[in-house]
Amino acid sequence: MIFLLSNRVAALVSFWPFGQVAAWPLGALVLVALVLGFLLGLAFHLPHRFALNRRAKRAENRAAELEARNAPPPPVSF
């Protein structure tokens, strides 16, 4: 909030085919760019992260299955 209030100089926002769209405060423009960059990075990262979590869970289950199969028999007591 302090960054936004201390950077109130107007910055012209324009996109190539549309020309000038608006004049926004520079602080707001920078904060919007940071949030959009964060969300875009998150959108690219999360599917990979979910796939790795599924793979790790399958590997843990498989390891537990193999350990249970190769466990020594319980001792016999008379």
Protein backbone atom coordinates (compact mmCIF):
# COMPACT_ATOMS: atom_id res chain seq x y z
CA MET A 1 0.00 0.00 0.00
CA ILE A 2 2.85 2.36 0.80
CA PHE A 3 4.45 1.54 -2.55
CA LEU A 4 1.21 2.33 -4.34
CA LEU A 5 0.74 5.64 -2.53
CA SER A 6 4.33 6.77 -3.01
CA ASN A 7 4.31 6.08 -6.79
CA ARG A 8 1.28 8.04 -8.01
CA VAL A 9 2.81 9.34 -11.25
CA ALA A 10 0.52 8.55 -14.19
CA ALA A 11 1.78 5.98 -16.67
CA LEU A 12 0.14 5.54 -20.04
CA VAL A 13 -0.95 1.99 -20.74
CA SER A 14 -1.24 1.06 -24.39
CA PHE A 15 -1.45 -2.13 -26.35
CA TRP A 16 -0.27 -2.27 -29.93
CA PRO A 17 -3.43 -2.85 -31.93
CA PHE A 18 -5.65 -0.79 -29.63
CA GLY A 19 -3.55 2.31 -28.97
CA GLN A 20 -3.70 4.12 -25.63
CA VAL A 21 -6.10 2.40 -23.27
CA ALA A 22 -5.71 4.20 -19.93
CA ALA A 23 -3.49 6.24 -17.65
CA TRP A 24 -2.80 4.35 -14.42
CA PRO A 25 -0.69 5.26 -11.40
CA LEU A 26 2.76 3.74 -11.79
CA GLY A 27 2.56 1.94 -8.42
CA ALA A 28 -0.69 0.25 -9.40
CA LEU A 29 0.75 -0.78 -12.75
CA VAL A 30 3.79 -2.38 -11.11
CA LEU A 31 1.70 -4.19 -8.49
CA VAL A 32 -0.70 -5.52 -11.13
CA ALA A 33 2.26 -6.75 -13.19
CA LEU A 34 3.72 -8.52 -10.14
CA VAL A 35 0.41 -10.21 -9.30
CA LEU A 36 -0.14 -11.30 -12.90
CA GLY A 37 3.41 -12.67 -13.07
CA PHE A 38 2.91 -14.57 -9.83
CA LEU A 39 -0.39 -16.07 -11.03
CA LEU A 40 1.09 -17.00 -14.40
CA GLY A 41 4.06 -18.70 -12.73
CA LEU A 42 1.71 -20.52 -10.38
CA ALA A 43 -0.42 -21.69 -13.31
CA PHE A 44 2.65 -23.18 -15.01
CA HIS A 45 4.07 -24.69 -11.82
CA LEU A 46 1.05 -26.36 -10.21
CA PRO A 47 0.30 -29.07 -12.82
CA HIS A 48 3.92 -30.23 -12.66
CA ARG A 49 3.82 -30.16 -8.87
CA PHE A 50 0.61 -32.22 -8.75
CA ALA A 51 2.07 -34.78 -11.16
CA LEU A 52 5.19 -35.13 -9.00
CA ASN A 53 3.09 -35.54 -5.84
CA ARG A 54 1.06 -38.32 -7.49
CA ARG A 55 4.27 -40.03 -8.62
CA ALA A 56 5.80 -39.79 -5.13
CA LYS A 57 2.64 -41.17 -3.52
CA ARG A 58 2.64 -44.14 -5.93
CA ALA A 59 6.32 -44.80 -5.18
CA GLU A 60 5.66 -44.70 -1.42
CA ASN A 61 2.77 -47.13 -1.77
CA ARG A 62 4.87 -49.45 -3.93
CA ALA A 63 7.75 -49.34 -1.44
CA ALA A 64 5.40 -50.15 1.45
CA GLU A 65 3.95 -53.04 -0.57
CA LEU A 66 7.41 -54.46 -1.32
CA GLU A 67 8.53 -54.09 2.30
CA ALA A 68 5.42 -55.91 3.51
CA ARG A 69 6.01 -58.71 0.99
CA ASN A 70 9.67 -59.16 2.02
CA ALA A 71 9.13 -58.91 5.78
CA PRO A 72 10.61 -61.83 7.74
CA PRO A 73 8.09 -64.27 9.21
CA PRO A 74 7.16 -63.73 12.85
CA PRO A 75 9.09 -65.81 15.37
CA VAL A 76 7.43 -69.07 16.46
CA SER A 77 7.02 -69.49 20.17
CA PHE A 78 6.18 -72.82 21.89
